[in-house]
């Protein structure tokens, strides 16, 4: 499901949205029950886990000091001053 650009084949880069959002696979659903079943993540840990997953993907595709990472971190209210 990962395209040559490192993103999901269903991600529309121009709109920054999923093209199959209503019908996306279960593992794409950021829901407490799904994350617990698939990854053993407790409901209290879901946000931090999801943010870490996104940061890992962005770092791998764009770099950990990229504009994309900065935008993401600002959007989620996460600023790591040690980076």
PDB file of N, CA and C in Angstrom:
ATOM      1  N   UNK A   1       0.803  -1.198   0.000  1.00  0.00           N
ATOM      2  CA  UNK A   1       0.000   0.000   0.000  1.00  0.00           C
ATOM      3  C   UNK A   1       0.847   1.263   0.000  1.00  0.00           C
ATOM      4  N   UNK A   2       2.159   1.103  -0.010  1.00  0.00           N
ATOM      5  CA  UNK A   2       3.045   2.263  -0.012  1.00  0.00           C
ATOM      6  C   UNK A   2       3.518   2.522  -1.435  1.00  0.00           C
ATOM      7  N   UNK A   3       3.347   3.757  -1.879  1.00  0.00           N
ATOM      8  CA  UNK A   3       3.763   4.138  -3.219  1.00  0.00           C
ATOM      9  C   UNK A   3       5.239   4.468  -3.280  1.00  0.00           C
ATOM     10  N   UNK A   4       5.713   4.793  -4.468  1.00  0.00           N
ATOM     11  CA  UNK A   4       7.126   5.108  -4.669  1.00  0.00           C
ATOM     12  C   UNK A   4       7.574   6.330  -3.875  1.00  0.00           C
ATOM     13  N   UNK A   5       6.631   7.220  -3.568  1.00  0.00           N
ATOM     14  CA  UNK A   5       6.981   8.436  -2.827  1.00  0.00           C
ATOM     15  C   UNK A   5       7.017   8.221  -1.321  1.00  0.00           C
ATOM     16  N   UNK A   6       6.739   6.990  -0.873  1.00  0.00           N
ATOM     17  CA  UNK A   6       6.783   6.678   0.549  1.00  0.00           C
ATOM     18  C   UNK A   6       5.459   6.836   1.266  1.00  0.00           C
ATOM     19  N   UNK A   7       4.464   7.371   0.586  1.00  0.00           N
ATOM     20  CA  UNK A   7       3.142   7.560   1.181  1.00  0.00           C
ATOM     21  C   UNK A   7       2.188   6.487   0.690  1.00  0.00           C
ATOM     22  N   UNK A   8       1.099   6.343   1.370  1.00  0.00           N
ATOM     23  CA  UNK A   8       0.063   5.385   0.984  1.00  0.00           C
ATOM     24  C   UNK A   8      -0.412   5.696  -0.433  1.00  0.00           C
ATOM     25  N   UNK A   9      -0.698   4.664  -1.187  1.00  0.00           N
ATOM     26  CA  UNK A   9      -1.159   4.855  -2.562  1.00  0.00           C
ATOM     27  C   UNK A   9      -2.513   5.558  -2.619  1.00  0.00           C
ATOM     28  N   UNK A  10      -3.219   5.596  -1.510  1.00  0.00           N
ATOM     29  CA  UNK A  10      -4.528   6.252  -1.471  1.00  0.00           C
ATOM     30  C   UNK A  10      -4.469   7.682  -0.937  1.00  0.00           C
ATOM     31  N   UNK A  11      -3.269   8.175  -0.669  1.00  0.00           N
ATOM     32  CA  UNK A  11      -3.100   9.544  -0.185  1.00  0.00           C
ATOM     33  C   UNK A  11      -3.018  10.484  -1.373  1.00  0.00           C
ATOM     34  N   UNK A  12      -3.888  11.482  -1.408  1.00  0.00           N
ATOM     35  CA  UNK A  12      -3.884  12.485  -2.469  1.00  0.00           C
ATOM     36  C   UNK A  12      -3.048  13.672  -1.990  1.00  0.00           C
ATOM     37  N   UNK A  13      -1.841  13.783  -2.505  1.00  0.00           N
ATOM     38  CA  UNK A  13      -0.915  14.825  -2.045  1.00  0.00           C
ATOM     39  C   UNK A  13      -1.434  16.229  -2.330  1.00  0.00           C
ATOM     40  N   UNK A  14      -2.204  16.400  -3.385  1.00  0.00           N
ATOM     41  CA  UNK A  14      -2.686  17.745  -3.717  1.00  0.00           C
ATOM     42  C   UNK A  14      -3.732  18.241  -2.723  1.00  0.00           C
ATOM     43  N   UNK A  15      -4.558  17.333  -2.214  1.00  0.00           N
ATOM     44  CA  UNK A  15      -5.578  17.724  -1.232  1.00  0.00           C
ATOM     45  C   UNK A  15      -5.163  17.367   0.187  1.00  0.00           C
ATOM     46  N   UNK A  16      -4.112  16.549   0.307  1.00  0.00           N
ATOM     47  CA  UNK A  16      -3.613  16.055   1.599  1.00  0.00           C
ATOM     48  C   UNK A  16      -4.689  15.255   2.327  1.00  0.00           C
ATOM     49  N   UNK A  17      -5.464  14.493   1.545  1.00  0.00           N
ATOM     50  CA  UNK A  17      -6.529  13.677   2.124  1.00  0.00           C
ATOM     51  C   UNK A  17      -6.486  12.269   1.548  1.00  0.00           C
ATOM     52  N   UNK A  18      -7.084  11.361   2.295  1.00  0.00           N
ATOM     53  CA  UNK A  18      -7.206   9.974   1.854  1.00  0.00           C
ATOM     54  C   UNK A  18      -8.320   9.872   0.814  1.00  0.00           C
ATOM     55  N   UNK A  19      -8.031   9.196  -0.300  1.00  0.00           N
ATOM     56  CA  UNK A  19      -9.021   9.054  -1.365  1.00  0.00           C
ATOM     57  C   UNK A  19     -10.081   8.011  -1.040  1.00  0.00           C
ATOM     58  N   UNK A  20      -9.810   7.152  -0.054  1.00  0.00           N
ATOM     59  CA  UNK A  20     -10.766   6.093   0.293  1.00  0.00           C
ATOM     60  C   UNK A  20     -11.164   6.169   1.761  1.00  0.00           C
ATOM     61  N   UNK A  21     -11.143   7.362   2.335  1.00  0.00           N
ATOM     62  CA  UNK A  21     -11.322   7.528   3.778  1.00  0.00           C
ATOM     63  C   UNK A  21     -12.500   6.743   4.355  1.00  0.00           C
ATOM     64  N   UNK A  22     -13.704   6.837   3.810  1.00  0.00           N
ATOM     65  CA  UNK A  22     -14.825   6.092   4.407  1.00  0.00           C
ATOM     66  C   UNK A  22     -14.629   4.573   4.362  1.00  0.00           C
ATOM     67  N   UNK A  23     -13.858   4.101   3.391  1.00  0.00           N
ATOM     68  CA  UNK A  23     -13.666   2.660   3.208  1.00  0.00           C
ATOM     69  C   UNK A  23     -12.242   2.207   3.502  1.00  0.00           C
ATOM     70  N   UNK A  24     -11.473   3.024   4.222  1.00  0.00           N
ATOM     71  CA  UNK A  24     -10.069   2.702   4.492  1.00  0.00           C
ATOM     72  C   UNK A  24      -9.958   1.421   5.319  1.00  0.00           C
ATOM     73  N   UNK A  25      -8.819   0.730   5.210  1.00  0.00           N
ATOM     74  CA  UNK A  25      -8.621  -0.504   5.977  1.00  0.00           C
ATOM     75  C   UNK A  25      -8.653  -0.246   7.480  1.00  0.00           C
ATOM     76  N   UNK A  26      -8.940  -1.279   8.219  1.00  0.00           N
ATOM     77  CA  UNK A  26      -9.056  -1.163   9.675  1.00  0.00           C
ATOM     78  C   UNK A  26      -7.775  -0.609  10.297  1.00  0.00           C
ATOM     79  N   UNK A  27      -6.610  -1.049   9.822  1.00  0.00           N
ATOM     80  CA  UNK A  27      -5.360  -0.605  10.435  1.00  0.00           C
ATOM     81  C   UNK A  27      -5.087   0.882  10.206  1.00  0.00           C
ATOM     82  N   UNK A  28      -5.820   1.522   9.323  1.00  0.00           N
ATOM     83  CA  UNK A  28      -5.672   2.961   9.097  1.00  0.00           C
ATOM     84  C   UNK A  28      -6.557   3.791  10.020  1.00  0.00           C
ATOM     85  N   UNK A  29      -7.409   3.128  10.751  1.00  0.00           N
ATOM     86  CA  UNK A  29      -8.360   3.854  11.601  1.00  0.00           C
ATOM     87  C   UNK A  29      -7.727   4.178  12.951  1.00  0.00           C
ATOM     88  N   UNK A  30      -7.599   5.457  13.225  1.00  0.00           N
ATOM     89  CA  UNK A  30      -7.003   5.902  14.487  1.00  0.00           C
ATOM     90  C   UNK A  30      -8.117   5.937  15.533  1.00  0.00           C
ATOM     91  N   UNK A  31      -8.395   4.756  16.060  1.00  0.00           N
ATOM     92  CA  UNK A  31      -9.438   4.578  17.064  1.00  0.00           C
ATOM     93  C   UNK A  31      -8.862   3.729  18.188  1.00  0.00           C
ATOM     94  N   UNK A  32      -9.255   4.030  19.406  1.00  0.00           N
ATOM     95  CA  UNK A  32      -8.701   3.340  20.574  1.00  0.00           C
ATOM     96  C   UNK A  32      -8.842   1.825  20.468  1.00  0.00           C
ATOM     97  N   UNK A  33     -10.008   1.336  20.080  1.00  0.00           N
ATOM     98  CA  UNK A  33     -10.233  -0.111  20.000  1.00  0.00           C
ATOM     99  C   UNK A  33      -9.321  -0.761  18.963  1.00  0.00           C
ATOM    100  N   UNK A  34      -9.187  -0.136  17.816  1.00  0.00           N
ATOM    101  CA  UNK A  34      -8.338  -0.679  16.750  1.00  0.00           C
ATOM    102  C   UNK A  34      -6.876  -0.701  17.189  1.00  0.00           C
ATOM    103  N   UNK A  35      -6.400   0.391  17.762  1.00  0.00           N
ATOM    104  CA  UNK A  35      -5.003   0.448  18.197  1.00  0.00           C
ATOM    105  C   UNK A  35      -4.719  -0.540  19.320  1.00  0.00           C
ATOM    106  N   UNK A  36      -5.697  -0.770  20.170  1.00  0.00           N
ATOM    107  CA  UNK A  36      -5.506  -1.763  21.230  1.00  0.00           C
ATOM    108  C   UNK A  36      -5.432  -3.162  20.629  1.00  0.00           C
ATOM    109  N   UNK A  37      -6.368  -3.483  19.745  1.00  0.00           N
ATOM    110  CA  UNK A  37      -6.398  -4.814  19.127  1.00  0.00           C
ATOM    111  C   UNK A  37      -5.151  -5.096  18.299  1.00  0.00           C
ATOM    112  N   UNK A  38      -4.718  -4.132  17.512  1.00  0.00           N
ATOM    113  CA  UNK A  38      -3.600  -4.355  16.590  1.00  0.00           C
ATOM    114  C   UNK A  38      -2.225  -4.161  17.220  1.00  0.00           C
ATOM    115  N   UNK A  39      -2.107  -3.192  18.118  1.00  0.00           N
ATOM    116  CA  UNK A  39      -0.787  -2.811  18.611  1.00  0.00           C
ATOM    117  C   UNK A  39      -0.628  -2.891  20.126  1.00  0.00           C
ATOM    118  N   UNK A  40      -1.706  -3.231  20.840  1.00  0.00           N
ATOM    119  CA  UNK A  40      -1.639  -3.310  22.293  1.00  0.00           C
ATOM    120  C   UNK A  40      -1.539  -1.954  22.973  1.00  0.00           C
ATOM    121  N   UNK A  41      -1.979  -0.912  22.291  1.00  0.00           N
ATOM    122  CA  UNK A  41      -1.905   0.451  22.812  1.00  0.00           C
ATOM    123  C   UNK A  41      -3.161   0.738  23.635  1.00  0.00           C
ATOM    124  N   UNK A  42      -2.966   1.267  24.830  1.00  0.00           N
ATOM    125  CA  UNK A  42      -4.116   1.604  25.673  1.00  0.00           C
ATOM    126  C   UNK A  42      -4.765   2.893  25.158  1.00  0.00           C
ATOM    127  N   UNK A  43      -6.033   3.104  25.487  1.00  0.00           N
ATOM    128  CA  UNK A  43      -6.705   4.336  25.037  1.00  0.00           C
ATOM    129  C   UNK A  43      -5.959   5.609  25.446  1.00  0.00           C
ATOM    130  N   UNK A  44      -5.338   5.590  26.611  1.00  0.00           N
ATOM    131  CA  UNK A  44      -4.600   6.759  27.077  1.00  0.00           C
ATOM    132  C   UNK A  44      -3.345   7.031  26.237  1.00  0.00           C
ATOM    133  N   UNK A  45      -2.836   6.018  25.574  1.00  0.00           N
ATOM    134  CA  UNK A  45      -1.598   6.134  24.792  1.00  0.00           C
ATOM    135  C   UNK A  45      -1.833   6.390  23.307  1.00  0.00           C
ATOM    136  N   UNK A  46      -3.090   6.354  22.858  1.00  0.00           N
ATOM    137  CA  UNK A  46      -3.386   6.413  21.424  1.00  0.00           C
ATOM    138  C   UNK A  46      -2.818   7.668  20.767  1.00  0.00           C
ATOM    139  N   UNK A  47      -3.068   8.831  21.319  1.00  0.00           N
ATOM    140  CA  UNK A  47      -2.583  10.064  20.683  1.00  0.00           C
ATOM    141  C   UNK A  47      -1.069  10.085  20.562  1.00  0.00           C
ATOM    142  N   UNK A  48      -0.371   9.779  21.641  1.00  0.00           N
ATOM    143  CA  UNK A  48       1.094   9.783  21.600  1.00  0.00           C
ATOM    144  C   UNK A  48       1.627   8.749  20.617  1.00  0.00           C
ATOM    145  N   UNK A  49       1.003   7.574  20.577  1.00  0.00           N
ATOM    146  CA  UNK A  49       1.419   6.516  19.656  1.00  0.00           C
ATOM    147  C   UNK A  49       1.202   6.951  18.209  1.00  0.00           C
ATOM    148  N   UNK A  50       0.039   7.518  17.918  1.00  0.00           N
ATOM    149  CA  UNK A  50      -0.269   7.956  16.555  1.00  0.00           C
ATOM    150  C   UNK A  50       0.676   9.072  16.118  1.00  0.00           C
ATOM    151  N   UNK A  51       0.951  10.008  17.010  1.00  0.00           N
ATOM    152  CA  UNK A  51       1.884  11.094  16.694  1.00  0.00           C
ATOM    153  C   UNK A  51       3.269  10.534  16.394  1.00  0.00           C
ATOM    154  N   UNK A  52       3.724   9.588  17.200  1.00  0.00           N
ATOM    155  CA  UNK A  52       5.044   8.976  16.981  1.00  0.00           C
ATOM    156  C   UNK A  52       5.096   8.244  15.641  1.00  0.00           C
ATOM    157  N   UNK A  53       4.021   7.559  15.272  1.00  0.00           N
ATOM    158  CA  UNK A  53       3.970   6.861  13.976  1.00  0.00           C
ATOM    159  C   UNK A  53       4.075   7.859  12.828  1.00  0.00           C
ATOM    160  N   UNK A  54       3.334   8.952  12.923  1.00  0.00           N
ATOM    161  CA  UNK A  54       3.379   9.978  11.879  1.00  0.00           C
ATOM    162  C   UNK A  54       4.764  10.613  11.794  1.00  0.00           C
ATOM    163  N   UNK A  55       5.354  10.904  12.941  1.00  0.00           N
ATOM    164  CA  UNK A  55       6.693  11.501  12.946  1.00  0.00           C
ATOM    165  C   UNK A  55       7.717  10.558  12.323  1.00  0.00           C
ATOM    166  N   UNK A  56       7.584   9.274  12.590  1.00  0.00           N
ATOM    167  CA  UNK A  56       8.503   8.296  12.007  1.00  0.00           C
ATOM    168  C   UNK A  56       8.366   8.281  10.487  1.00  0.00           C
ATOM    169  N   UNK A  57       7.140   8.308   9.979  1.00  0.00           N
ATOM    170  CA  UNK A  57       6.906   8.305   8.535  1.00  0.00           C
ATOM    171  C   UNK A  57       7.442   9.586   7.899  1.00  0.00           C
ATOM    172  N   UNK A  58       7.121  10.710   8.486  1.00  0.00           N
ATOM    173  CA  UNK A  58       7.585  11.992   7.945  1.00  0.00           C
ATOM    174  C   UNK A  58       9.109  12.053   7.954  1.00  0.00           C
ATOM    175  N   UNK A  59       9.720  11.596   9.024  1.00  0.00           N
ATOM    176  CA  UNK A  59      11.178  11.582   9.117  1.00  0.00           C
ATOM    177  C   UNK A  59      11.791  10.725   8.020  1.00  0.00           C
ATOM    178  N   UNK A  60      11.194   9.561   7.770  1.00  0.00           N
ATOM    179  CA  UNK A  60      11.709   8.659   6.750  1.00  0.00           C
ATOM    180  C   UNK A  60      11.580   9.197   5.339  1.00  0.00           C
ATOM    181  N   UNK A  61      10.525   9.947   5.081  1.00  0.00           N
ATOM    182  CA  UNK A  61      10.276  10.466   3.736  1.00  0.00           C
ATOM    183  C   UNK A  61      10.936  11.830   3.524  1.00  0.00           C
ATOM    184  N   UNK A  62      10.799  12.724   4.494  1.00  0.00           N
ATOM    185  CA  UNK A  62      11.253  14.104   4.328  1.00  0.00           C
ATOM    186  C   UNK A  62      12.465  14.478   5.173  1.00  0.00           C
ATOM    187  N   UNK A  63      12.698  13.737   6.245  1.00  0.00           N
ATOM    188  CA  UNK A  63      13.782  14.071   7.167  1.00  0.00           C
ATOM    189  C   UNK A  63      13.224  14.651   8.455  1.00  0.00           C
ATOM    190  N   UNK A  64      13.955  14.432   9.539  1.00  0.00           N
ATOM    191  CA  UNK A  64      13.437  14.838  10.846  1.00  0.00           C
ATOM    192  C   UNK A  64      13.514  16.341  11.091  1.00  0.00           C
ATOM    193  N   UNK A  65      14.201  17.062  10.230  1.00  0.00           N
ATOM    194  CA  UNK A  65      14.275  18.523  10.372  1.00  0.00           C
ATOM    195  C   UNK A  65      13.624  19.226   9.174  1.00  0.00           C
ATOM    196  N   UNK A  66      12.729  18.542   8.508  1.00  0.00           N
ATOM    197  CA  UNK A  66      12.096  19.071   7.302  1.00  0.00           C
ATOM    198  C   UNK A  66      10.959  20.037   7.632  1.00  0.00           C
ATOM    199  N   UNK A  67      10.579  20.804   6.632  1.00  0.00           N
ATOM    200  CA  UNK A  67       9.433  21.696   6.767  1.00  0.00           C
ATOM    201  C   UNK A  67       8.167  20.886   7.044  1.00  0.00           C
ATOM    202  N   UNK A  68       8.056  19.726   6.427  1.00  0.00           N
ATOM    203  CA  UNK A  68       6.893  18.857   6.662  1.00  0.00           C
ATOM    204  C   UNK A  68       6.812  18.456   8.133  1.00  0.00           C
ATOM    205  N   UNK A  69       7.953  18.109   8.728  1.00  0.00           N
ATOM    206  CA  UNK A  69       7.965  17.741  10.145  1.00  0.00           C
ATOM    207  C   UNK A  69       7.597  18.943  11.012  1.00  0.00           C
ATOM    208  N   UNK A  70       8.136  20.089  10.691  1.00  0.00           N
ATOM    209  CA  UNK A  70       7.816  21.294  11.449  1.00  0.00           C
ATOM    210  C   UNK A  70       6.318  21.580  11.394  1.00  0.00           C
ATOM    211  N   UNK A  71       5.744  21.508  10.211  1.00  0.00           N
ATOM    212  CA  UNK A  71       4.301  21.740  10.059  1.00  0.00           C
ATOM    213  C   UNK A  71       3.490  20.736  10.868  1.00  0.00           C
ATOM    214  N   UNK A  72       3.881  19.471  10.796  1.00  0.00           N
ATOM    215  CA  UNK A  72       3.157  18.440  11.546  1.00  0.00           C
ATOM    216  C   UNK A  72       3.247  18.708  13.041  1.00  0.00           C
ATOM    217  N   UNK A  73       4.454  18.940  13.524  1.00  0.00           N
ATOM    218  CA  UNK A  73       4.644  19.174  14.955  1.00  0.00           C
ATOM    219  C   UNK A  73       3.865  20.393  15.435  1.00  0.00           C
ATOM    220  N   UNK A  74       3.812  21.429  14.623  1.00  0.00           N
ATOM    221  CA  UNK A  74       3.018  22.600  14.994  1.00  0.00           C
ATOM    222  C   UNK A  74       1.533  22.258  15.011  1.00  0.00           C
ATOM    223  N   UNK A  75       1.076  21.472  14.049  1.00  0.00           N
ATOM    224  CA  UNK A  75      -0.346  21.110  13.962  1.00  0.00           C
ATOM    225  C   UNK A  75      -0.808  20.299  15.166  1.00  0.00           C
ATOM    226  N   UNK A  76       0.071  19.446  15.692  1.00  0.00           N
ATOM    227  CA  UNK A  76      -0.314  18.611  16.838  1.00  0.00           C
ATOM    228  C   UNK A  76       0.121  19.223  18.166  1.00  0.00           C
ATOM    229  N   UNK A  77       0.713  20.417  18.094  1.00  0.00           N
ATOM    230  CA  UNK A  77       1.135  21.089  19.320  1.00  0.00           C
ATOM    231  C   UNK A  77       2.342  20.458  19.969  1.00  0.00           C
ATOM    232  N   UNK A  78       3.191  19.834  19.151  1.00  0.00           N
ATOM    233  CA  UNK A  78       4.377  19.152  19.661  1.00  0.00           C
ATOM    234  C   UNK A  78       5.613  19.869  19.164  1.00  0.00           C
ATOM    235  N   UNK A  79       6.364  20.430  20.064  1.00  0.00           N
ATOM    236  CA  UNK A  79       7.630  21.057  19.697  1.00  0.00           C
ATOM    237  C   UNK A  79       8.719  20.477  20.570  1.00  0.00           C
ATOM    238  N   UNK A  80       9.603  19.702  19.965  1.00  0.00           N
ATOM    239  CA  UNK A  80      10.722  19.102  20.684  1.00  0.00           C
ATOM    240  C   UNK A  80      11.917  20.036  20.550  1.00  0.00           C
ATOM    241  N   UNK A  81      12.211  20.774  21.584  1.00  0.00           N
ATOM    242  CA  UNK A  81      13.288  21.755  21.530  1.00  0.00           C
ATOM    243  C   UNK A  81      14.671  21.125  21.536  1.00  0.00           C
ATOM    244  N   UNK A  82      14.741  19.815  21.801  1.00  0.00           N
ATOM    245  CA  UNK A  82      16.044  19.147  21.815  1.00  0.00           C
ATOM    246  C   UNK A  82      16.481  18.739  20.423  1.00  0.00           C
ATOM    247  N   UNK A  83      15.595  18.838  19.447  1.00  0.00           N
ATOM    248  CA  UNK A  83      15.907  18.416  18.075  1.00  0.00           C
ATOM    249  C   UNK A  83      16.645  19.495  17.348  1.00  0.00           C
TER     250      UNK A  83
END
